N, C-alpha and C. Protein backbone atom coordinates (compact mmCIF):
# COMPACT_ATOMS: atom_id res chain seq x y z
N MET A 1 -38.83 -0.62 -6.83
CA MET A 1 -38.61 -0.57 -5.39
C MET A 1 -39.18 0.76 -4.88
N ARG A 2 -39.84 0.70 -3.74
CA ARG A 2 -40.43 1.90 -3.15
C ARG A 2 -39.35 2.86 -2.66
N SER A 3 -39.56 4.14 -2.94
CA SER A 3 -38.58 5.13 -2.52
C SER A 3 -38.87 5.61 -1.09
N VAL A 4 -37.83 6.08 -0.45
CA VAL A 4 -37.93 6.63 0.91
C VAL A 4 -37.80 8.14 0.79
N THR A 5 -38.80 8.85 1.32
CA THR A 5 -38.82 10.30 1.23
C THR A 5 -38.84 10.92 2.62
N TYR A 6 -38.27 12.10 2.71
CA TYR A 6 -38.30 12.89 3.95
C TYR A 6 -38.84 14.26 3.60
N SER A 7 -40.02 14.59 4.14
CA SER A 7 -40.70 15.85 3.83
C SER A 7 -41.01 16.60 5.11
N MET A 8 -40.75 17.90 5.10
CA MET A 8 -41.09 18.75 6.24
C MET A 8 -41.16 20.20 5.77
N GLY A 9 -41.87 21.01 6.55
CA GLY A 9 -41.80 22.44 6.40
C GLY A 9 -40.50 22.90 7.03
N VAL A 10 -39.87 23.90 6.43
CA VAL A 10 -38.55 24.34 6.90
C VAL A 10 -38.44 25.86 6.77
N SER A 11 -37.71 26.47 7.70
CA SER A 11 -37.44 27.90 7.60
C SER A 11 -36.40 28.14 6.51
N LEU A 12 -36.30 29.37 6.04
CA LEU A 12 -35.33 29.68 5.00
C LEU A 12 -33.90 29.37 5.46
N ASP A 13 -33.64 29.46 6.76
CA ASP A 13 -32.30 29.14 7.26
C ASP A 13 -32.14 27.66 7.65
N GLY A 14 -33.11 26.82 7.26
CA GLY A 14 -32.91 25.38 7.33
C GLY A 14 -33.39 24.65 8.56
N TYR A 15 -34.29 25.24 9.34
CA TYR A 15 -34.74 24.60 10.58
C TYR A 15 -36.20 24.19 10.51
N ILE A 16 -36.54 23.08 11.18
CA ILE A 16 -37.94 22.64 11.23
C ILE A 16 -38.61 23.09 12.51
N THR A 17 -37.81 23.45 13.51
CA THR A 17 -38.31 24.12 14.71
C THR A 17 -37.32 25.23 15.04
N GLY A 18 -37.81 26.24 15.73
CA GLY A 18 -36.94 27.32 16.17
C GLY A 18 -36.22 26.94 17.45
N PRO A 19 -35.40 27.84 17.99
CA PRO A 19 -34.65 27.57 19.22
C PRO A 19 -35.56 27.23 20.40
N ASP A 20 -36.79 27.73 20.37
CA ASP A 20 -37.74 27.46 21.45
C ASP A 20 -38.52 26.15 21.25
N GLY A 21 -38.23 25.44 20.17
CA GLY A 21 -38.91 24.18 19.87
C GLY A 21 -40.22 24.35 19.14
N HIS A 22 -40.63 25.58 18.91
CA HIS A 22 -41.92 25.83 18.24
C HIS A 22 -41.76 25.86 16.73
N PHE A 23 -42.85 25.55 16.07
CA PHE A 23 -42.88 25.59 14.61
C PHE A 23 -44.17 26.23 14.11
N ASP A 24 -44.70 27.17 14.88
CA ASP A 24 -45.94 27.84 14.52
C ASP A 24 -45.84 28.60 13.20
N TRP A 25 -44.66 28.94 12.79
CA TRP A 25 -44.46 29.63 11.51
C TRP A 25 -44.72 28.72 10.32
N THR A 26 -44.88 27.41 10.54
CA THR A 26 -45.21 26.49 9.45
C THR A 26 -46.71 26.27 9.32
N GLU A 27 -47.49 26.95 10.16
CA GLU A 27 -48.95 26.82 10.09
C GLU A 27 -49.39 27.07 8.66
N PRO A 28 -49.97 26.03 8.01
CA PRO A 28 -50.24 26.19 6.58
C PRO A 28 -51.46 27.05 6.29
N ASP A 29 -51.31 27.91 5.28
CA ASP A 29 -52.49 28.57 4.76
C ASP A 29 -53.21 27.55 3.87
N GLU A 30 -54.29 27.95 3.26
CA GLU A 30 -55.11 27.00 2.49
C GLU A 30 -54.32 26.34 1.36
N GLU A 31 -53.51 27.11 0.65
CA GLU A 31 -52.76 26.55 -0.48
C GLU A 31 -51.65 25.61 -0.03
N VAL A 32 -50.97 25.95 1.05
CA VAL A 32 -49.92 25.06 1.57
C VAL A 32 -50.55 23.78 2.11
N PHE A 33 -51.68 23.91 2.80
CA PHE A 33 -52.36 22.72 3.31
C PHE A 33 -52.79 21.84 2.15
N ARG A 34 -53.27 22.42 1.06
CA ARG A 34 -53.64 21.66 -0.15
C ARG A 34 -52.42 20.92 -0.69
N PHE A 35 -51.25 21.56 -0.67
CA PHE A 35 -50.03 20.90 -1.10
C PHE A 35 -49.78 19.64 -0.28
N TRP A 36 -49.89 19.75 1.06
CA TRP A 36 -49.64 18.60 1.93
C TRP A 36 -50.68 17.50 1.71
N ILE A 37 -51.91 17.87 1.41
CA ILE A 37 -52.94 16.87 1.09
C ILE A 37 -52.53 16.10 -0.16
N ASP A 38 -52.11 16.82 -1.19
CA ASP A 38 -51.68 16.16 -2.43
C ASP A 38 -50.43 15.31 -2.20
N ASP A 39 -49.52 15.80 -1.35
CA ASP A 39 -48.29 15.07 -1.06
C ASP A 39 -48.57 13.74 -0.37
N ILE A 40 -49.50 13.73 0.57
CA ILE A 40 -49.77 12.50 1.34
C ILE A 40 -50.42 11.44 0.47
N ARG A 41 -51.04 11.83 -0.65
CA ARG A 41 -51.63 10.86 -1.59
C ARG A 41 -50.57 9.94 -2.19
N GLU A 42 -49.32 10.39 -2.22
CA GLU A 42 -48.23 9.61 -2.80
C GLU A 42 -47.58 8.66 -1.80
N VAL A 43 -48.03 8.68 -0.56
CA VAL A 43 -47.40 7.90 0.50
C VAL A 43 -48.15 6.58 0.69
N GLY A 44 -47.37 5.51 0.80
CA GLY A 44 -47.95 4.19 1.05
C GLY A 44 -47.85 3.77 2.51
N VAL A 45 -46.83 4.27 3.19
CA VAL A 45 -46.63 4.00 4.62
C VAL A 45 -45.81 5.16 5.19
N HIS A 46 -46.12 5.52 6.43
CA HIS A 46 -45.42 6.65 7.05
C HIS A 46 -44.67 6.16 8.29
N LEU A 47 -43.38 6.46 8.36
CA LEU A 47 -42.56 6.13 9.52
C LEU A 47 -42.44 7.39 10.37
N LEU A 48 -42.72 7.25 11.65
CA LEU A 48 -42.73 8.41 12.55
C LEU A 48 -41.93 8.13 13.81
N GLY A 49 -41.28 9.16 14.29
CA GLY A 49 -40.71 9.10 15.62
C GLY A 49 -41.82 9.38 16.63
N ARG A 50 -41.55 9.17 17.89
CA ARG A 50 -42.56 9.33 18.93
C ARG A 50 -43.15 10.74 18.97
N ARG A 51 -42.31 11.75 18.93
CA ARG A 51 -42.84 13.12 19.05
C ARG A 51 -43.79 13.47 17.91
N LEU A 52 -43.43 13.13 16.68
CA LEU A 52 -44.31 13.44 15.56
C LEU A 52 -45.58 12.59 15.64
N TYR A 53 -45.44 11.33 16.04
CA TYR A 53 -46.62 10.49 16.21
C TYR A 53 -47.60 11.14 17.20
N GLU A 54 -47.08 11.60 18.33
CA GLU A 54 -47.95 12.22 19.33
C GLU A 54 -48.56 13.52 18.82
N THR A 55 -47.82 14.29 18.03
CA THR A 55 -48.36 15.51 17.43
C THR A 55 -49.49 15.18 16.46
N MET A 56 -49.32 14.11 15.70
CA MET A 56 -50.30 13.76 14.67
C MET A 56 -51.50 12.99 15.21
N LEU A 57 -51.50 12.62 16.48
CA LEU A 57 -52.65 11.90 17.06
C LEU A 57 -53.96 12.66 16.91
N TYR A 58 -53.90 13.98 16.88
CA TYR A 58 -55.11 14.77 16.69
C TYR A 58 -55.92 14.27 15.49
N TRP A 59 -55.22 13.91 14.42
CA TRP A 59 -55.90 13.53 13.18
C TRP A 59 -56.60 12.19 13.27
N GLU A 60 -56.35 11.40 14.30
CA GLU A 60 -57.05 10.13 14.48
C GLU A 60 -58.51 10.34 14.88
N THR A 61 -58.82 11.48 15.47
CA THR A 61 -60.20 11.78 15.89
C THR A 61 -60.67 13.14 15.39
N ALA A 62 -59.95 13.72 14.44
CA ALA A 62 -60.24 15.08 13.98
C ALA A 62 -61.64 15.24 13.42
N GLU A 63 -62.20 14.17 12.86
CA GLU A 63 -63.54 14.30 12.28
C GLU A 63 -64.59 14.64 13.33
N GLU A 64 -64.26 14.45 14.61
CA GLU A 64 -65.17 14.81 15.69
C GLU A 64 -65.12 16.30 16.04
N ASP A 65 -64.13 17.01 15.50
CA ASP A 65 -63.95 18.44 15.77
C ASP A 65 -64.94 19.23 14.92
N PRO A 66 -65.91 19.90 15.54
CA PRO A 66 -66.92 20.63 14.75
C PRO A 66 -66.34 21.81 13.96
N SER A 67 -65.16 22.28 14.32
CA SER A 67 -64.57 23.40 13.60
C SER A 67 -63.73 22.95 12.39
N LEU A 68 -63.62 21.65 12.16
CA LEU A 68 -62.81 21.13 11.06
C LEU A 68 -63.43 21.52 9.73
N ASP A 69 -62.63 22.11 8.85
CA ASP A 69 -63.14 22.52 7.54
C ASP A 69 -63.03 21.37 6.53
N ASP A 70 -63.43 21.62 5.30
CA ASP A 70 -63.43 20.58 4.27
C ASP A 70 -62.02 20.04 4.00
N ALA A 71 -61.03 20.93 3.95
CA ALA A 71 -59.66 20.49 3.71
C ALA A 71 -59.17 19.60 4.87
N GLY A 72 -59.51 19.97 6.09
CA GLY A 72 -59.15 19.15 7.25
C GLY A 72 -59.81 17.79 7.19
N ARG A 73 -61.04 17.75 6.75
CA ARG A 73 -61.75 16.45 6.60
C ARG A 73 -61.08 15.60 5.52
N GLU A 74 -60.67 16.24 4.45
CA GLU A 74 -60.00 15.50 3.38
C GLU A 74 -58.67 14.93 3.87
N TRP A 75 -57.88 15.76 4.60
CA TRP A 75 -56.62 15.29 5.16
C TRP A 75 -56.86 14.10 6.09
N THR A 76 -57.85 14.24 6.97
CA THR A 76 -58.17 13.18 7.93
C THR A 76 -58.51 11.89 7.20
N ALA A 77 -59.30 11.99 6.13
CA ALA A 77 -59.70 10.80 5.37
C ALA A 77 -58.50 10.11 4.73
N LEU A 78 -57.45 10.85 4.43
CA LEU A 78 -56.24 10.26 3.86
C LEU A 78 -55.28 9.77 4.94
N TRP A 79 -55.11 10.57 6.01
CA TRP A 79 -54.13 10.26 7.05
C TRP A 79 -54.56 9.08 7.92
N LYS A 80 -55.81 9.08 8.34
CA LYS A 80 -56.26 8.10 9.33
C LYS A 80 -56.04 6.65 8.87
N PRO A 81 -56.41 6.27 7.64
CA PRO A 81 -56.20 4.86 7.23
C PRO A 81 -54.78 4.53 6.77
N LEU A 82 -53.92 5.54 6.66
CA LEU A 82 -52.56 5.32 6.18
C LEU A 82 -51.79 4.45 7.18
N PRO A 83 -51.16 3.37 6.71
CA PRO A 83 -50.34 2.57 7.62
C PRO A 83 -49.17 3.41 8.15
N LYS A 84 -48.91 3.27 9.45
CA LYS A 84 -47.85 4.02 10.11
C LYS A 84 -47.00 3.07 10.96
N VAL A 85 -45.71 3.33 10.99
CA VAL A 85 -44.79 2.58 11.84
C VAL A 85 -44.14 3.60 12.77
N VAL A 86 -44.28 3.39 14.07
CA VAL A 86 -43.80 4.33 15.07
C VAL A 86 -42.54 3.78 15.74
N PHE A 87 -41.51 4.60 15.76
CA PHE A 87 -40.24 4.23 16.39
C PHE A 87 -40.18 4.93 17.74
N SER A 88 -40.21 4.14 18.81
CA SER A 88 -40.21 4.71 20.15
C SER A 88 -39.66 3.69 21.13
N THR A 89 -38.91 4.18 22.08
CA THR A 89 -38.44 3.32 23.17
C THR A 89 -39.29 3.51 24.42
N THR A 90 -40.24 4.46 24.38
CA THR A 90 -41.04 4.74 25.56
C THR A 90 -42.51 4.36 25.42
N LEU A 91 -43.03 4.30 24.21
CA LEU A 91 -44.43 3.94 24.02
C LEU A 91 -44.60 2.41 24.08
N SER A 92 -45.67 1.97 24.70
CA SER A 92 -45.94 0.53 24.74
C SER A 92 -47.08 0.15 23.80
N GLU A 93 -47.84 1.15 23.35
CA GLU A 93 -48.90 0.89 22.38
C GLU A 93 -49.17 2.15 21.57
N VAL A 94 -49.75 1.93 20.39
CA VAL A 94 -50.12 3.03 19.50
C VAL A 94 -51.54 2.79 19.02
N ARG A 95 -52.15 3.82 18.44
CA ARG A 95 -53.55 3.74 18.04
C ARG A 95 -53.72 3.78 16.53
N GLY A 96 -54.94 3.44 16.12
CA GLY A 96 -55.30 3.54 14.72
C GLY A 96 -54.56 2.55 13.85
N HIS A 97 -54.16 3.01 12.69
CA HIS A 97 -53.46 2.15 11.72
C HIS A 97 -51.96 2.22 11.92
N ALA A 98 -51.54 2.37 13.15
CA ALA A 98 -50.12 2.44 13.47
C ALA A 98 -49.70 1.17 14.19
N ARG A 99 -48.42 0.86 14.06
CA ARG A 99 -47.82 -0.22 14.83
C ARG A 99 -46.45 0.25 15.28
N LEU A 100 -46.01 -0.30 16.40
CA LEU A 100 -44.66 -0.01 16.86
C LEU A 100 -43.67 -0.77 16.01
N ALA A 101 -42.56 -0.15 15.70
CA ALA A 101 -41.51 -0.81 14.92
C ALA A 101 -41.02 -2.03 15.68
N SER A 102 -40.85 -3.11 14.94
CA SER A 102 -40.38 -4.34 15.58
C SER A 102 -38.88 -4.53 15.43
N GLY A 103 -38.26 -3.70 14.61
CA GLY A 103 -36.82 -3.79 14.41
C GLY A 103 -36.23 -2.41 14.28
N GLY A 104 -34.99 -2.38 13.88
CA GLY A 104 -34.32 -1.11 13.66
C GLY A 104 -34.81 -0.45 12.39
N LEU A 105 -34.42 0.79 12.18
CA LEU A 105 -34.90 1.55 11.03
C LEU A 105 -34.51 0.89 9.70
N ALA A 106 -33.27 0.49 9.55
CA ALA A 106 -32.83 -0.14 8.30
C ALA A 106 -33.60 -1.43 8.05
N GLU A 107 -33.81 -2.21 9.09
CA GLU A 107 -34.54 -3.46 8.97
C GLU A 107 -36.00 -3.21 8.55
N GLU A 108 -36.63 -2.23 9.16
CA GLU A 108 -38.03 -1.90 8.83
C GLU A 108 -38.14 -1.43 7.38
N ILE A 109 -37.24 -0.56 6.95
CA ILE A 109 -37.29 -0.07 5.57
C ILE A 109 -37.03 -1.20 4.59
N GLU A 110 -36.08 -2.06 4.88
CA GLU A 110 -35.81 -3.21 4.02
C GLU A 110 -37.05 -4.09 3.90
N ARG A 111 -37.72 -4.33 5.01
CA ARG A 111 -38.92 -5.15 5.02
C ARG A 111 -40.03 -4.49 4.18
N LEU A 112 -40.22 -3.18 4.39
CA LEU A 112 -41.27 -2.47 3.65
C LEU A 112 -40.97 -2.41 2.15
N ARG A 113 -39.72 -2.25 1.79
CA ARG A 113 -39.36 -2.25 0.36
C ARG A 113 -39.60 -3.61 -0.28
N ALA A 114 -39.46 -4.68 0.49
CA ALA A 114 -39.65 -6.02 -0.04
C ALA A 114 -41.12 -6.40 -0.16
N GLU A 115 -41.98 -5.78 0.64
CA GLU A 115 -43.41 -6.09 0.60
C GLU A 115 -44.05 -5.49 -0.64
N PRO A 116 -45.09 -6.16 -1.16
CA PRO A 116 -45.82 -5.52 -2.25
C PRO A 116 -46.55 -4.30 -1.71
N GLY A 117 -46.63 -3.29 -2.49
CA GLY A 117 -47.31 -2.08 -2.06
C GLY A 117 -46.94 -0.92 -2.95
N GLU A 118 -47.79 0.06 -2.89
CA GLU A 118 -47.58 1.25 -3.71
C GLU A 118 -47.35 2.44 -2.81
N GLY A 119 -46.80 3.46 -3.38
CA GLY A 119 -46.58 4.69 -2.63
C GLY A 119 -45.24 4.68 -1.92
N ALA A 120 -44.79 5.87 -1.64
CA ALA A 120 -43.49 6.06 -1.00
C ALA A 120 -43.52 5.62 0.46
N ILE A 121 -42.34 5.36 0.96
CA ILE A 121 -42.13 5.15 2.39
C ILE A 121 -41.68 6.51 2.91
N ALA A 122 -42.57 7.19 3.59
CA ALA A 122 -42.28 8.55 4.07
C ALA A 122 -41.74 8.52 5.48
N ILE A 123 -40.74 9.35 5.73
CA ILE A 123 -40.16 9.47 7.07
C ILE A 123 -40.56 10.81 7.63
N GLY A 124 -41.09 10.81 8.84
CA GLY A 124 -41.46 12.05 9.51
C GLY A 124 -40.73 12.16 10.83
N GLY A 125 -40.21 13.33 11.08
CA GLY A 125 -39.49 13.58 12.32
C GLY A 125 -38.01 13.69 12.06
N ALA A 126 -37.41 14.76 12.55
CA ALA A 126 -36.01 15.04 12.26
C ALA A 126 -35.05 14.01 12.84
N THR A 127 -35.32 13.52 14.02
CA THR A 127 -34.41 12.54 14.64
C THR A 127 -34.40 11.25 13.85
N LEU A 128 -35.59 10.78 13.48
CA LEU A 128 -35.68 9.55 12.69
C LEU A 128 -35.07 9.77 11.30
N ALA A 129 -35.32 10.92 10.70
CA ALA A 129 -34.75 11.22 9.38
C ALA A 129 -33.22 11.30 9.45
N ALA A 130 -32.69 11.86 10.53
CA ALA A 130 -31.23 11.94 10.67
C ALA A 130 -30.62 10.54 10.70
N GLU A 131 -31.29 9.62 11.40
CA GLU A 131 -30.80 8.23 11.43
C GLU A 131 -30.86 7.61 10.04
N ALA A 132 -31.97 7.84 9.33
CA ALA A 132 -32.11 7.30 7.97
C ALA A 132 -31.06 7.90 7.04
N ALA A 133 -30.79 9.20 7.18
CA ALA A 133 -29.77 9.84 6.35
C ALA A 133 -28.39 9.26 6.64
N GLU A 134 -28.10 9.05 7.91
CA GLU A 134 -26.81 8.48 8.29
C GLU A 134 -26.62 7.08 7.69
N LEU A 135 -27.72 6.34 7.59
CA LEU A 135 -27.69 4.99 7.02
C LEU A 135 -27.83 5.01 5.49
N ASP A 136 -27.88 6.20 4.90
CA ASP A 136 -28.03 6.39 3.46
C ASP A 136 -29.29 5.71 2.92
N LEU A 137 -30.40 5.89 3.62
CA LEU A 137 -31.66 5.26 3.24
C LEU A 137 -32.64 6.22 2.56
N ILE A 138 -32.37 7.51 2.57
CA ILE A 138 -33.30 8.48 1.99
C ILE A 138 -33.02 8.64 0.50
N ASP A 139 -34.08 8.52 -0.29
CA ASP A 139 -33.98 8.68 -1.75
C ASP A 139 -34.34 10.09 -2.20
N GLU A 140 -35.26 10.73 -1.46
CA GLU A 140 -35.69 12.09 -1.82
C GLU A 140 -35.87 12.95 -0.59
N TYR A 141 -35.44 14.19 -0.71
CA TYR A 141 -35.67 15.22 0.30
C TYR A 141 -36.69 16.18 -0.28
N ARG A 142 -37.76 16.43 0.48
CA ARG A 142 -38.81 17.34 0.04
C ARG A 142 -39.02 18.40 1.12
N THR A 143 -38.95 19.65 0.71
CA THR A 143 -39.16 20.73 1.68
C THR A 143 -40.21 21.69 1.17
N VAL A 144 -40.90 22.29 2.11
CA VAL A 144 -41.70 23.49 1.83
C VAL A 144 -41.02 24.57 2.64
N VAL A 145 -40.35 25.48 1.94
CA VAL A 145 -39.56 26.52 2.58
C VAL A 145 -40.46 27.72 2.88
N HIS A 146 -40.48 28.10 4.16
CA HIS A 146 -41.30 29.22 4.62
C HIS A 146 -40.43 30.47 4.76
N PRO A 147 -40.99 31.65 4.47
CA PRO A 147 -40.20 32.88 4.49
C PRO A 147 -39.98 33.42 5.90
N VAL A 148 -39.15 32.72 6.65
CA VAL A 148 -38.83 33.13 8.00
C VAL A 148 -37.42 32.64 8.32
N LEU A 149 -36.69 33.43 9.07
CA LEU A 149 -35.38 33.04 9.59
C LEU A 149 -35.56 32.87 11.10
N VAL A 150 -35.31 31.65 11.61
CA VAL A 150 -35.54 31.41 13.03
C VAL A 150 -34.24 31.42 13.84
N GLY A 151 -33.09 31.37 13.18
CA GLY A 151 -31.81 31.56 13.85
C GLY A 151 -31.26 30.37 14.61
N GLY A 152 -31.90 29.23 14.53
CA GLY A 152 -31.41 28.05 15.23
C GLY A 152 -32.57 27.14 15.55
N GLY A 153 -32.26 26.00 16.13
CA GLY A 153 -33.28 25.02 16.48
C GLY A 153 -32.92 23.66 15.93
N MET A 154 -33.93 22.91 15.53
CA MET A 154 -33.73 21.56 14.97
C MET A 154 -33.55 21.69 13.46
N PRO A 155 -32.38 21.31 12.93
CA PRO A 155 -32.15 21.46 11.49
C PRO A 155 -32.91 20.40 10.68
N PHE A 156 -33.33 20.77 9.49
CA PHE A 156 -33.95 19.82 8.56
C PHE A 156 -32.93 18.79 8.11
N PHE A 157 -31.77 19.29 7.70
CA PHE A 157 -30.71 18.39 7.26
C PHE A 157 -29.83 18.04 8.45
N PRO A 158 -29.64 16.76 8.68
CA PRO A 158 -28.77 16.37 9.80
C PRO A 158 -27.33 16.79 9.53
N ARG A 159 -26.62 17.07 10.60
CA ARG A 159 -25.20 17.41 10.48
C ARG A 159 -24.45 16.13 10.13
N ARG A 160 -23.81 16.14 8.99
CA ARG A 160 -23.12 14.94 8.53
C ARG A 160 -21.70 15.29 8.14
N GLU A 161 -20.89 14.30 8.21
CA GLU A 161 -19.48 14.50 7.87
C GLU A 161 -19.18 14.04 6.46
N ARG A 162 -20.22 13.76 5.69
CA ARG A 162 -19.97 13.32 4.32
C ARG A 162 -20.86 14.09 3.35
N ARG A 163 -20.40 14.14 2.15
CA ARG A 163 -21.11 14.85 1.10
C ARG A 163 -22.21 13.96 0.52
N VAL A 164 -23.35 14.57 0.19
CA VAL A 164 -24.45 13.88 -0.48
C VAL A 164 -24.84 14.75 -1.66
N ASP A 165 -24.69 14.22 -2.86
CA ASP A 165 -25.07 14.96 -4.05
C ASP A 165 -26.56 14.78 -4.31
N LEU A 166 -27.20 15.89 -4.66
CA LEU A 166 -28.64 15.90 -4.90
C LEU A 166 -28.92 16.43 -6.29
N GLU A 167 -30.04 15.98 -6.86
CA GLU A 167 -30.49 16.44 -8.17
C GLU A 167 -31.88 17.06 -8.00
N LEU A 168 -32.04 18.29 -8.48
CA LEU A 168 -33.33 18.96 -8.37
C LEU A 168 -34.36 18.23 -9.22
N ALA A 169 -35.44 17.78 -8.60
CA ALA A 169 -36.52 17.09 -9.30
C ALA A 169 -37.72 17.99 -9.51
N GLU A 170 -37.91 18.97 -8.61
CA GLU A 170 -39.05 19.88 -8.73
C GLU A 170 -38.81 21.12 -7.88
N ALA A 171 -39.26 22.24 -8.39
CA ALA A 171 -39.25 23.50 -7.63
C ALA A 171 -40.46 24.29 -8.08
N ARG A 172 -41.27 24.73 -7.10
CA ARG A 172 -42.44 25.54 -7.44
C ARG A 172 -42.92 26.31 -6.22
N THR A 173 -43.58 27.40 -6.48
CA THR A 173 -44.15 28.15 -5.38
C THR A 173 -45.43 27.46 -4.92
N VAL A 174 -45.68 27.57 -3.63
CA VAL A 174 -46.89 27.01 -3.03
C VAL A 174 -47.59 28.18 -2.35
N GLY A 175 -48.71 28.56 -2.90
CA GLY A 175 -49.39 29.72 -2.38
C GLY A 175 -48.60 30.98 -2.71
N SER A 176 -48.74 31.98 -1.88
CA SER A 176 -48.07 33.25 -2.17
C SER A 176 -46.77 33.43 -1.39
N LYS A 177 -46.45 32.49 -0.49
CA LYS A 177 -45.29 32.71 0.37
C LYS A 177 -44.25 31.59 0.36
N ALA A 178 -44.66 30.35 0.18
CA ALA A 178 -43.76 29.21 0.36
C ALA A 178 -43.25 28.67 -0.98
N VAL A 179 -42.15 27.93 -0.90
CA VAL A 179 -41.55 27.29 -2.07
C VAL A 179 -41.34 25.81 -1.76
N HIS A 180 -41.79 24.97 -2.67
CA HIS A 180 -41.57 23.52 -2.53
C HIS A 180 -40.34 23.15 -3.34
N LEU A 181 -39.42 22.43 -2.70
CA LEU A 181 -38.22 21.91 -3.37
C LEU A 181 -38.16 20.41 -3.16
N ARG A 182 -37.94 19.68 -4.26
CA ARG A 182 -37.81 18.22 -4.16
C ARG A 182 -36.50 17.83 -4.83
N TYR A 183 -35.66 17.16 -4.04
CA TYR A 183 -34.35 16.73 -4.53
C TYR A 183 -34.22 15.21 -4.41
N ARG A 184 -33.69 14.60 -5.46
CA ARG A 184 -33.37 13.17 -5.42
C ARG A 184 -31.89 13.01 -5.06
N VAL A 185 -31.61 11.97 -4.28
CA VAL A 185 -30.21 11.66 -3.95
C VAL A 185 -29.58 11.02 -5.18
N VAL A 186 -28.42 11.51 -5.56
CA VAL A 186 -27.67 10.95 -6.68
C VAL A 186 -26.83 9.81 -6.14
N ARG A 187 -27.04 8.64 -6.67
CA ARG A 187 -26.30 7.46 -6.20
C ARG A 187 -25.33 6.99 -7.25
C-alpha cells in the first residue's frame, strides 16, 4: 500500500512560516535544493492545498525562465509531469497535470491507495496536512530543519489533543546548515 508523507522545510522552533506569513528563510541553497529534487523522485502523486498549488504554479512554466539553472530545470522536469490533486473550495480549474479533488481528503487518499501506482502520496500545505493528521492518514513526517527561530506562525505539526508515537527512520545533515529528519508513525 502506498504511504502518505508530509514534507516541508521547518524552523528549529517548528514553524513552516513566520508570524508575517513569510518563509524566505527556507530558500534552499544548492545542497538543500538537491535534497528536494531527490525527495520528489519518491513521490507518485502530490496532494496540495490551494495556497501551495498557487505557489508552485511557477514550476509549470519555469523552463521558459532564462535565469533557471540546471538544478531548476531538473526539478521542473520532475515536478511538471507529476500528478497533482488540488483541494480548494475557491478554484474552478487547475493547470498542467493537476486535477481538483472530487471528494474529501480521506476519500481521495483511499482511492489513490487502491489504484495501481508507485511512489508515495505526498501532502503539501500545512492546512491540508493538519486535516490528514487529524484523520490519522499520515504515515511519515519528513522535515528539513533550518537554523532559525521565527517565534510563531504556521506550525509544521498541527495542534492535536492526542499523542502520536513516531519512530526515527532517518536523520542526516543537508548541506552545511540544515538537518533532514524522517519519522514513521508507529501504529
